[in-house]
Amino acid sequence: ASDVYKRQHYYFANSYYAEGSLETAAITDYKVTMSSVVIKNNFIGCQFHPEKSSVAGEQFLDYFLGLK
């Protein structure tokens, strides 16, 4: 995974979470360890809200869209 995920602050607004799996591409440690990004085949999902995550969210979306 790219450094775009590392040591950034992302906005989570859920009381549920996905545990780690083979598809986990990024994890978050906040009271529990959870999958923050999962990738399977051509699908990518994120547990956080990139549109509410300021600069970190913008970087994630740029990376996701292949702009950086």
C-alpha atoms as a PDB file:
ATOM      1  CA  ALA A   1       0.000   0.000   0.000  1.00  0.00           C
ATOM      2  CA  SER A   2       1.085   3.525  -0.613  1.00  0.00           C
ATOM      3  CA  ASP A   3       2.268   5.894   2.099  1.00  0.00           C
ATOM      4  CA  VAL A   4      -0.880   7.925   1.406  1.00  0.00           C
ATOM      5  CA  TYR A   5      -2.576   5.817   4.092  1.00  0.00           C
ATOM      6  CA  LYS A   6       0.104   6.004   6.775  1.00  0.00           C
ATOM      7  CA  ARG A   7      -0.122   8.260   9.824  1.00  0.00           C
ATOM      8  CA  GLN A   8      -3.025  10.297   8.508  1.00  0.00           C
ATOM      9  CA  HIS A   9      -6.226  11.286  10.283  1.00  0.00           C
ATOM     10  CA  TYR A  10      -9.453  10.130   8.666  1.00  0.00           C
ATOM     11  CA  TYR A  11     -13.064  10.756   9.652  1.00  0.00           C
ATOM     12  CA  PHE A  12     -14.965   7.691  10.898  1.00  0.00           C
ATOM     13  CA  ALA A  13     -18.620   8.051  11.899  1.00  0.00           C
ATOM     14  CA  ASN A  14     -19.736   4.477  12.373  1.00  0.00           C
ATOM     15  CA  SER A  15     -20.300   2.305  15.413  1.00  0.00           C
ATOM     16  CA  TYR A  16     -19.485  -0.834  13.412  1.00  0.00           C
ATOM     17  CA  TYR A  17     -16.272  -1.973  11.746  1.00  0.00           C
ATOM     18  CA  ALA A  18     -14.831  -4.652   9.491  1.00  0.00           C
ATOM     19  CA  GLU A  19     -12.256  -6.948  11.047  1.00  0.00           C
ATOM     20  CA  GLY A  20      -9.017  -7.681   9.224  1.00  0.00           C
ATOM     21  CA  SER A  21      -9.076 -10.158   6.344  1.00  0.00           C
ATOM     22  CA  LEU A  22      -7.010 -11.209   3.348  1.00  0.00           C
ATOM     23  CA  GLU A  23      -8.558  -8.271   1.469  1.00  0.00           C
ATOM     24  CA  THR A  24      -7.427  -5.676   4.037  1.00  0.00           C
ATOM     25  CA  ALA A  25      -5.180  -3.062   2.406  1.00  0.00           C
ATOM     26  CA  ALA A  26      -5.016  -0.637   5.360  1.00  0.00           C
ATOM     27  CA  ILE A  27      -5.797  -0.897   9.052  1.00  0.00           C
ATOM     28  CA  THR A  28      -6.734   1.558  11.766  1.00  0.00           C
ATOM     29  CA  ASP A  29      -5.989   1.121  15.452  1.00  0.00           C
ATOM     30  CA  TYR A  30      -8.569   2.978  17.522  1.00  0.00           C
ATOM     31  CA  LYS A  31      -9.703   1.013  20.567  1.00  0.00           C
ATOM     32  CA  VAL A  32      -9.827  -2.003  18.214  1.00  0.00           C
ATOM     33  CA  THR A  33      -7.875  -2.893  15.096  1.00  0.00           C
ATOM     34  CA  MET A  34     -10.079  -2.698  12.008  1.00  0.00           C
ATOM     35  CA  SER A  35      -9.891  -2.698   8.241  1.00  0.00           C
ATOM     36  CA  SER A  36      -9.981   0.858   6.948  1.00  0.00           C
ATOM     37  CA  VAL A  37      -9.466  -0.048   3.277  1.00  0.00           C
ATOM     38  CA  VAL A  38     -10.257  -3.356   1.594  1.00  0.00           C
ATOM     39  CA  ILE A  39      -9.475  -4.408  -1.958  1.00  0.00           C
ATOM     40  CA  LYS A  40     -10.870  -7.434  -3.764  1.00  0.00           C
ATOM     41  CA  ASN A  41     -10.500  -7.910  -7.493  1.00  0.00           C
ATOM     42  CA  ASN A  42     -11.453  -4.531  -8.989  1.00  0.00           C
ATOM     43  CA  PHE A  43     -13.386  -3.305  -5.930  1.00  0.00           C
ATOM     44  CA  ILE A  44     -12.005  -0.911  -3.319  1.00  0.00           C
ATOM     45  CA  GLY A  45     -13.940   0.020  -0.205  1.00  0.00           C
ATOM     46  CA  CYS A  46     -13.072   2.324   2.655  1.00  0.00           C
ATOM     47  CA  GLN A  47     -14.552   2.382   6.138  1.00  0.00           C
ATOM     48  CA  PHE A  48     -13.905   6.103   6.621  1.00  0.00           C
ATOM     49  CA  HIS A  49     -15.408   9.139   4.886  1.00  0.00           C
ATOM     50  CA  PRO A  50     -12.782  10.577   2.501  1.00  0.00           C
ATOM     51  CA  GLU A  51     -15.002  13.575   1.675  1.00  0.00           C
ATOM     52  CA  LYS A  52     -14.963  14.567   5.367  1.00  0.00           C
ATOM     53  CA  SER A  53     -11.287  13.775   5.976  1.00  0.00           C
ATOM     54  CA  SER A  54      -9.714  17.083   4.912  1.00  0.00           C
ATOM     55  CA  VAL A  55      -6.315  16.870   3.206  1.00  0.00           C
ATOM     56  CA  ALA A  56      -5.905  13.158   4.003  1.00  0.00           C
ATOM     57  CA  GLY A  57      -9.225  12.403   2.320  1.00  0.00           C
ATOM     58  CA  GLU A  58      -8.282  14.447  -0.734  1.00  0.00           C
ATOM     59  CA  GLN A  59      -4.966  12.588  -0.981  1.00  0.00           C
ATOM     60  CA  PHE A  60      -6.790   9.258  -0.726  1.00  0.00           C
ATOM     61  CA  LEU A  61      -9.230  10.227  -3.488  1.00  0.00           C
ATOM     62  CA  ASP A  62      -6.396  11.498  -5.715  1.00  0.00           C
ATOM     63  CA  TYR A  63      -4.537   8.212  -5.177  1.00  0.00           C
ATOM     64  CA  PHE A  64      -7.709   6.203  -5.768  1.00  0.00           C
ATOM     65  CA  LEU A  65      -8.380   8.049  -9.014  1.00  0.00           C
ATOM     66  CA  GLY A  66      -4.767   7.629 -10.132  1.00  0.00           C
ATOM     67  CA  LEU A  67      -4.015  11.347 -10.069  1.00  0.00           C
ATOM     68  CA  LYS A  68      -0.931  10.949  -7.844  1.00  0.00           C
END
